[in-house]
Amino acid sequence: MDIQFGPGIQKENSTSSSPRTVTNQPDHNQQFPELIDNRNLLYLPVPLRCGVTAMCRDDVLSTCPMVLDCLNSDIEYVLSILPKSVHALVRRTNVFLNTSFEFGLRDNPTKVNYSTAHHEAGWLIWCLDRVEKTRSIEIYDCFEYFRARTHWNGPGLILHEFCHLIHQFALPNGLDNSNVKRLHKRAKDSGIYDLVLRRDWAKRKQDQDLAYATAPFDLAYATVNHKEFFAEMSVSFLANFYHHLDSATMRDGMQYCCPPLYESDKQNSSYTGSISLIRQHCNKFFPFTKGQLMKFDEVSYSGMSMLWDVIEAWVDDESFSYDADSGGNNRNHSVKGAEVEPKYIEFDGYVEDEIVSL
């Protein structure tokens, strides 16, 4: 067998008269960067009244215990608007809670403060985190959660994360569901999501010279990829509230098309839970509600309606075992009526190009 040597390494039986040299061997005196190892972080299980288990770092319980009541209230709300077919999935999903979180180089760490759904073990292994977080939701900064959730009028934030897992397990082919990909591609190609209102920018001053193109407008988060598209559109589709705003457009301005804005001080250690009483969520990005989605993007509205019919008919196999090698997709999807899932969704006047996996 002809062994291929890398650059700088000479074959031992070479005919060259020069001495054999090895220049690419590791320098055992070289100091490699130290990585943060989060695999041994301790999380304490705290059962919530809603049936979900919160996995808490000890400093969460000592400095931010109020997050447990808030999270319980949010998830109880989520269960009240989701179809019963996914209730068991929600209740068996652990939510990991931190007050802060860093990973990567110890000398130059990456600090994160958002919330996320962990679909696969791969990323957790790569960043030296606990693989037990697979198929869970994680809140990296519970104080930031208090502040950020107000942009969704409370429970909409955690609803967004649960919708990621519903996408993964309740739709045929999970995260590879072709209808979700086609809906995302069509919405992104349409250009209507290139500049939309976002509630967390509501107080930004508008440049009068550029008007519509500045201030609280941004590229919709739903355009990022098909997974974020499904979660974002689902939050809007499930917000069947604020019907007096159904016909409002973005050109009417934030004041006239946006549900009420609430505020929360993320550093307020005396948080009493009053914000958790918000019972009508909305999305952070326009369209904020179901009615607005229907008026703004009828194709996406119709597609989401079909997808949620499939989810409502899903038969949850709680014995399904997670296979990290499969990417966590539910390959054994079953529904009460197979006719509920169309082979593809018709887009009037839209020419479908080749689907590209994201």
Protein backbone atom coordinates (compact mmCIF):
# COMPACT_ATOMS: atom_id res chain seq x y z
CA MET A 1 0.00 0.00 0.00
CA ASP A 2 1.35 3.39 -0.97
CA ILE A 3 1.21 5.54 2.13
CA GLN A 4 0.62 9.21 1.45
CA PHE A 5 2.70 11.55 3.58
CA GLY A 6 1.70 15.06 4.45
CA PRO A 7 3.70 18.16 3.53
CA GLY A 8 7.05 18.39 5.32
CA ILE A 9 7.30 14.67 6.04
CA GLN A 10 9.79 12.61 4.04
CA LYS A 11 9.46 8.86 3.47
CA GLU A 12 11.88 6.85 5.56
CA ASN A 13 13.00 4.77 2.53
CA SER A 14 13.42 7.82 0.33
CA THR A 15 16.36 7.81 -2.08
CA SER A 16 17.26 11.32 -1.11
CA SER A 17 20.72 11.71 0.36
CA SER A 18 19.41 14.31 2.80
CA PRO A 19 18.68 13.27 6.38
CA ARG A 20 15.07 12.29 7.10
CA THR A 21 13.15 15.28 8.46
CA VAL A 22 9.84 15.51 10.25
CA THR A 23 8.52 19.04 10.51
CA ASN A 24 4.81 18.53 11.15
CA GLN A 25 5.05 16.54 14.38
CA PRO A 26 3.28 18.11 17.37
CA ASP A 27 5.30 20.23 19.73
CA HIS A 28 4.70 18.67 23.12
CA ASN A 29 5.74 21.91 24.78
CA GLN A 30 3.05 23.87 22.94
CA GLN A 31 0.30 25.25 25.17
CA PHE A 32 -3.18 24.59 23.77
CA PRO A 33 -6.04 26.98 24.66
CA GLU A 34 -8.09 25.81 27.63
CA LEU A 35 -11.75 25.19 26.88
CA ILE A 36 -14.64 25.69 29.28
CA ASP A 37 -15.99 22.28 30.24
CA ASN A 38 -19.70 22.44 31.15
CA ARG A 39 -20.22 18.68 31.21
CA ASN A 40 -20.08 18.53 34.99
CA LEU A 41 -22.45 21.39 35.73
CA LEU A 42 -24.93 20.39 38.40
CA TYR A 43 -28.63 20.87 37.70
CA LEU A 44 -31.24 20.22 40.38
CA PRO A 45 -34.64 18.89 39.22
CA VAL A 46 -37.62 20.98 40.34
CA PRO A 47 -41.05 19.63 39.30
CA LEU A 48 -43.44 22.40 38.24
CA ARG A 49 -47.20 22.27 38.74
CA CYS A 50 -47.71 22.25 34.96
CA GLY A 51 -45.97 18.85 34.77
CA VAL A 52 -42.66 20.04 33.32
CA THR A 53 -39.42 19.56 35.25
CA ALA A 54 -37.18 22.60 35.60
CA MET A 55 -33.49 21.66 35.82
CA CYS A 56 -31.94 24.44 37.88
CA ARG A 57 -28.38 25.50 38.61
CA ASP A 58 -28.03 26.15 42.33
CA ASP A 59 -27.61 29.91 41.82
CA VAL A 60 -31.00 30.01 40.08
CA LEU A 61 -32.65 28.82 43.27
CA SER A 62 -30.69 31.27 45.43
CA THR A 63 -30.85 34.42 43.28
CA CYS A 64 -33.78 33.98 40.89
CA PRO A 65 -36.33 31.56 42.41
CA MET A 66 -39.20 33.68 41.05
CA VAL A 67 -38.45 32.37 37.56
CA LEU A 68 -40.06 29.06 38.54
CA ASP A 69 -43.50 30.61 39.12
CA CYS A 70 -43.16 32.67 35.97
CA LEU A 71 -42.11 29.65 33.88
CA ASN A 72 -44.90 27.51 35.33
CA SER A 73 -47.47 30.17 34.45
CA ASP A 74 -46.08 30.50 30.93
CA ILE A 75 -46.16 26.75 30.29
CA GLU A 76 -49.68 26.41 31.73
CA TYR A 77 -50.71 29.05 29.21
CA VAL A 78 -48.89 27.22 26.40
CA LEU A 79 -50.74 24.01 27.26
CA SER A 80 -54.05 25.90 27.21
CA ILE A 81 -53.61 26.96 23.55
CA LEU A 82 -51.81 23.92 22.11
CA PRO A 83 -53.74 20.87 20.86
CA LYS A 84 -53.95 18.00 23.33
CA SER A 85 -51.94 15.80 20.96
CA VAL A 86 -48.71 17.53 22.03
CA HIS A 87 -49.40 17.96 25.76
CA ALA A 88 -47.42 14.87 26.74
CA LEU A 89 -44.50 16.04 24.58
CA VAL A 90 -44.52 19.42 26.34
CA ARG A 91 -44.70 17.86 29.81
CA ARG A 92 -41.81 15.47 29.26
CA THR A 93 -39.57 18.27 27.97
CA ASN A 94 -37.08 19.41 30.61
CA VAL A 95 -36.28 23.12 30.81
CA PHE A 96 -32.71 23.89 31.92
CA LEU A 97 -32.27 27.16 33.82
CA ASN A 98 -29.11 29.23 34.33
CA THR A 99 -28.35 32.73 35.57
CA SER A 100 -25.44 32.97 33.11
CA PHE A 101 -23.70 30.67 30.66
CA GLU A 102 -20.38 30.65 28.83
CA PHE A 103 -18.66 28.19 26.51
CA GLY A 104 -15.61 28.04 24.27
CA LEU A 105 -12.17 29.43 25.12
CA ARG A 106 -11.67 30.13 28.80
CA ASP A 107 -9.57 33.19 27.98
CA ASN A 108 -12.11 34.49 25.47
CA PRO A 109 -15.46 32.83 26.24
CA THR A 110 -18.69 33.09 24.29
CA LYS A 111 -21.41 34.35 26.62
CA VAL A 112 -25.03 33.63 25.71
CA ASN A 113 -28.22 34.92 27.32
CA TYR A 114 -31.00 33.71 25.02
CA SER A 115 -33.34 30.71 25.15
CA THR A 116 -33.00 27.74 22.81
CA ALA A 117 -34.24 24.26 21.95
CA HIS A 118 -31.60 21.53 21.80
CA HIS A 119 -32.57 19.24 18.91
CA GLU A 120 -29.41 17.16 18.70
CA ALA A 121 -26.54 15.99 20.86
CA GLY A 122 -23.89 17.02 18.33
CA TRP A 123 -23.66 20.68 19.24
CA LEU A 124 -23.72 19.88 22.96
CA ILE A 125 -20.80 17.48 22.53
CA TRP A 126 -18.89 20.00 20.41
CA CYS A 127 -19.12 22.76 23.02
CA LEU A 128 -18.44 20.40 25.97
CA ASP A 129 -21.94 20.60 27.41
CA ARG A 130 -24.16 17.93 28.97
CA VAL A 131 -25.71 15.60 26.39
CA GLU A 132 -28.67 15.11 28.75
CA LYS A 133 -29.90 18.46 27.43
CA THR A 134 -30.79 16.83 24.09
CA ARG A 135 -34.51 17.24 23.28
CA SER A 136 -34.83 19.93 25.93
CA ILE A 137 -35.21 23.70 26.18
CA GLU A 138 -32.56 25.84 27.83
CA ILE A 139 -32.80 29.34 29.27
CA TYR A 140 -29.23 30.60 29.52
CA ASP A 141 -30.07 33.69 31.60
CA CYS A 142 -33.26 33.63 33.66
CA PHE A 143 -33.04 37.38 34.37
CA GLU A 144 -32.91 38.06 30.64
CA TYR A 145 -35.87 35.72 30.22
CA PHE A 146 -37.95 38.06 32.40
CA ARG A 147 -37.05 41.00 30.19
CA ALA A 148 -37.21 39.31 26.77
CA ARG A 149 -40.53 37.51 27.29
CA THR A 150 -42.35 40.85 27.41
CA HIS A 151 -41.62 41.28 23.69
CA TRP A 152 -43.94 38.30 23.10
CA ASN A 153 -46.37 39.57 25.77
CA GLY A 154 -45.21 36.84 28.10
CA PRO A 155 -45.68 33.16 27.18
CA GLY A 156 -44.96 33.64 23.48
CA LEU A 157 -41.22 33.26 24.07
CA ILE A 158 -41.34 29.80 25.62
CA LEU A 159 -44.07 28.87 23.10
CA HIS A 160 -41.57 29.62 20.33
CA GLU A 161 -39.12 27.11 21.82
CA PHE A 162 -41.76 24.41 22.30
CA CYS A 163 -42.80 24.88 18.66
CA HIS A 164 -39.27 23.88 17.63
CA LEU A 165 -39.71 20.52 19.37
CA ILE A 166 -43.24 20.10 18.00
CA HIS A 167 -41.78 20.64 14.51
CA GLN A 168 -39.17 17.98 15.26
CA PHE A 169 -41.49 15.28 16.57
CA ALA A 170 -45.08 15.93 15.49
CA LEU A 171 -44.62 16.55 11.75
CA PRO A 172 -43.76 13.85 9.20
CA ASN A 173 -39.98 13.68 8.72
CA GLY A 174 -39.53 16.10 11.59
CA LEU A 175 -37.14 18.95 10.88
CA ASP A 176 -36.88 17.77 7.27
CA ASN A 177 -40.60 18.23 6.64
CA SER A 178 -40.81 19.34 3.00
CA ASN A 179 -43.89 21.52 3.42
CA VAL A 180 -42.20 23.63 6.07
CA LYS A 181 -39.15 24.05 3.82
CA ARG A 182 -41.28 25.02 0.84
CA LEU A 183 -43.31 27.52 2.86
CA HIS A 184 -40.12 29.09 4.21
CA LYS A 185 -38.54 29.35 0.77
CA ARG A 186 -41.65 30.88 -0.76
CA ALA A 187 -41.98 33.42 2.10
CA LYS A 188 -38.31 34.38 1.91
CA ASP A 189 -38.37 34.69 -1.89
CA SER A 190 -41.50 36.84 -1.77
CA GLY A 191 -39.57 39.67 -0.11
CA ILE A 192 -42.45 40.68 2.16
CA TYR A 193 -40.46 39.72 5.25
CA ASP A 194 -37.40 41.79 4.34
CA LEU A 195 -38.55 44.74 6.45
CA VAL A 196 -41.06 44.18 9.27
CA LEU A 197 -41.84 45.77 12.62
CA ARG A 198 -40.24 44.30 15.74
CA ARG A 199 -41.66 45.09 19.16
CA ASP A 200 -38.35 45.25 21.05
CA TRP A 201 -37.34 48.19 18.83
CA ALA A 202 -40.59 50.06 19.43
CA LYS A 203 -38.90 52.97 21.25
CA ARG A 204 -36.19 53.55 18.66
CA LYS A 205 -36.35 56.97 17.12
CA GLN A 206 -37.34 57.01 13.47
CA ASP A 207 -35.32 58.79 10.83
CA GLN A 208 -37.89 61.03 9.19
CA ASP A 209 -35.91 61.11 5.95
CA LEU A 210 -35.99 57.35 5.53
CA ALA A 211 -39.32 56.79 7.30
CA TYR A 212 -40.48 53.23 6.53
CA ALA A 213 -36.95 51.84 6.23
CA THR A 214 -35.70 52.64 9.72
CA ALA A 215 -36.60 52.75 13.40
CA PRO A 216 -38.50 49.61 14.53
CA PHE A 217 -38.14 47.73 11.22
CA ASP A 218 -35.86 44.77 10.57
CA LEU A 219 -35.48 41.57 8.56
CA ALA A 220 -37.96 39.05 9.98
CA TYR A 221 -36.41 36.35 12.14
CA ALA A 222 -38.59 33.86 10.27
CA THR A 223 -36.31 34.23 7.23
CA VAL A 224 -33.25 32.79 9.04
CA ASN A 225 -34.08 29.16 8.16
CA HIS A 226 -37.03 26.82 7.89
CA LYS A 227 -36.89 25.90 11.58
CA GLU A 228 -37.18 29.49 12.73
CA PHE A 229 -39.86 30.08 10.11
CA PHE A 230 -42.05 27.35 11.59
CA ALA A 231 -41.56 28.54 15.18
CA GLU A 232 -42.14 32.21 14.33
CA MET A 233 -45.18 31.62 12.14
CA SER A 234 -46.62 29.23 14.73
CA VAL A 235 -46.40 31.86 17.48
CA SER A 236 -48.30 34.28 15.24
CA PHE A 237 -50.78 31.63 14.07
CA LEU A 238 -51.59 30.61 17.65
CA ALA A 239 -52.07 34.24 18.80
CA ASN A 240 -55.82 34.33 18.18
CA PHE A 241 -56.23 37.60 20.07
CA TYR A 242 -56.22 41.40 19.58
CA HIS A 243 -58.72 41.16 16.76
CA HIS A 244 -59.18 44.92 16.67
CA LEU A 245 -55.69 44.94 15.08
CA ASP A 246 -56.43 42.36 12.36
CA SER A 247 -56.71 44.90 9.57
CA ALA A 248 -53.86 47.13 10.73
CA THR A 249 -50.81 47.28 8.48
CA MET A 250 -47.21 48.15 9.21
CA ARG A 251 -47.67 51.46 7.42
CA ASP A 252 -50.13 52.42 10.14
CA GLY A 253 -47.15 52.43 12.49
CA MET A 254 -46.27 50.53 15.64
CA GLN A 255 -48.78 52.48 17.71
CA TYR A 256 -51.75 51.31 15.64
CA CYS A 257 -50.89 47.73 14.70
CA CYS A 258 -49.02 46.46 17.76
CA PRO A 259 -50.58 44.72 20.80
CA PRO A 260 -49.96 46.45 24.15
CA LEU A 261 -46.31 46.68 25.15
CA TYR A 262 -45.24 45.56 28.61
CA GLU A 263 -41.96 46.21 30.36
CA SER A 264 -39.95 44.31 32.94
CA ASP A 265 -36.72 45.10 34.75
CA LYS A 266 -34.48 42.05 34.35
CA GLN A 267 -32.48 43.06 37.43
CA ASN A 268 -35.55 43.46 39.63
CA SER A 269 -34.99 40.88 42.36
CA SER A 270 -38.34 41.76 43.92
CA TYR A 271 -40.25 40.48 40.88
CA THR A 272 -43.74 39.59 42.08
CA GLY A 273 -45.05 37.61 39.15
CA SER A 274 -47.46 40.26 37.86
CA ILE A 275 -46.09 40.01 34.32
CA SER A 276 -46.74 36.27 34.32
CA LEU A 277 -50.47 37.06 34.45
CA ILE A 278 -50.42 38.21 30.81
CA ARG A 279 -52.76 35.74 29.14
CA GLN A 280 -52.71 36.83 25.52
CA HIS A 281 -49.39 36.38 23.76
CA CYS A 282 -48.26 37.78 20.43
CA ASN A 283 -45.16 37.48 18.25
CA LYS A 284 -42.17 39.81 18.55
CA PHE A 285 -42.01 40.37 14.78
CA PHE A 286 -44.87 41.42 12.52
CA PRO A 287 -47.29 39.80 11.84
CA PHE A 288 -47.91 39.82 15.57
CA THR A 289 -51.18 37.85 15.57
CA LYS A 290 -53.17 35.23 13.70
CA GLY A 291 -55.47 37.82 12.17
CA GLN A 292 -52.54 39.88 10.92
CA LEU A 293 -50.84 36.80 9.47
CA MET A 294 -53.97 35.98 7.49
CA LYS A 295 -54.17 39.51 6.06
CA PHE A 296 -50.42 39.95 5.49
CA ASP A 297 -49.47 36.54 4.05
CA GLU A 298 -52.42 34.38 3.11
CA VAL A 299 -50.23 31.61 1.66
CA SER A 300 -48.21 31.16 4.85
CA TYR A 301 -51.42 31.36 6.88
CA SER A 302 -53.01 28.57 4.84
CA GLY A 303 -49.86 26.48 5.06
CA MET A 304 -49.61 26.86 8.82
CA SER A 305 -53.28 25.95 9.14
CA MET A 306 -52.64 22.67 7.28
CA LEU A 307 -49.52 21.91 9.34
CA TRP A 308 -51.31 22.47 12.63
CA ASP A 309 -54.14 20.19 11.45
CA VAL A 310 -51.48 17.50 11.06
CA ILE A 311 -50.10 18.27 14.53
CA GLU A 312 -53.56 18.08 16.07
CA ALA A 313 -54.03 14.63 14.51
CA TRP A 314 -50.61 13.37 15.61
CA VAL A 315 -50.56 10.23 17.75
CA ASP A 316 -47.73 10.66 20.23
CA ASP A 317 -45.69 7.51 20.69
CA GLU A 318 -44.20 8.16 24.11
CA SER A 319 -42.07 5.05 23.76
CA PHE A 320 -40.20 6.67 20.86
CA SER A 321 -36.53 6.58 21.72
CA TYR A 322 -34.29 9.42 20.69
CA ASP A 323 -31.60 8.56 18.17
CA ALA A 324 -28.92 11.26 18.01
CA ASP A 325 -27.59 9.86 14.71
CA SER A 326 -30.94 10.53 13.02
CA GLY A 327 -30.83 14.19 13.93
CA GLY A 328 -33.70 13.68 16.32
CA ASN A 329 -36.35 13.46 13.61
CA ASN A 330 -39.43 11.41 14.34
CA ARG A 331 -39.27 8.85 11.55
CA ASN A 332 -42.19 6.88 12.98
CA HIS A 333 -44.76 9.63 12.56
CA SER A 334 -48.35 8.53 12.73
CA VAL A 335 -51.59 10.48 12.47
CA LYS A 336 -55.20 9.54 12.99
CA GLY A 337 -55.90 10.27 9.34
CA ALA A 338 -53.11 10.00 6.81
CA GLU A 339 -55.07 12.19 4.38
CA VAL A 340 -54.46 15.16 6.68
CA GLU A 341 -50.88 15.56 5.41
CA PRO A 342 -50.88 16.58 1.73
CA LYS A 343 -47.91 15.55 -0.39
CA TYR A 344 -47.22 19.22 -0.96
CA ILE A 345 -48.89 22.55 -0.40
CA GLU A 346 -50.12 24.37 -3.49
CA PHE A 347 -48.78 27.89 -3.94
CA ASP A 348 -50.87 29.82 -6.45
CA GLY A 349 -48.69 31.54 -8.99
CA TYR A 350 -45.44 30.31 -7.44
CA VAL A 351 -42.87 28.34 -9.40
CA GLU A 352 -41.08 25.94 -7.09
CA ASP A 353 -37.33 25.68 -7.43
CA GLU A 354 -35.18 22.86 -6.12
CA ILE A 355 -35.42 22.64 -2.34
CA VAL A 356 -32.13 23.27 -0.61
CA SER A 357 -31.68 21.87 2.90
CA LEU A 358 -30.60 24.52 5.36
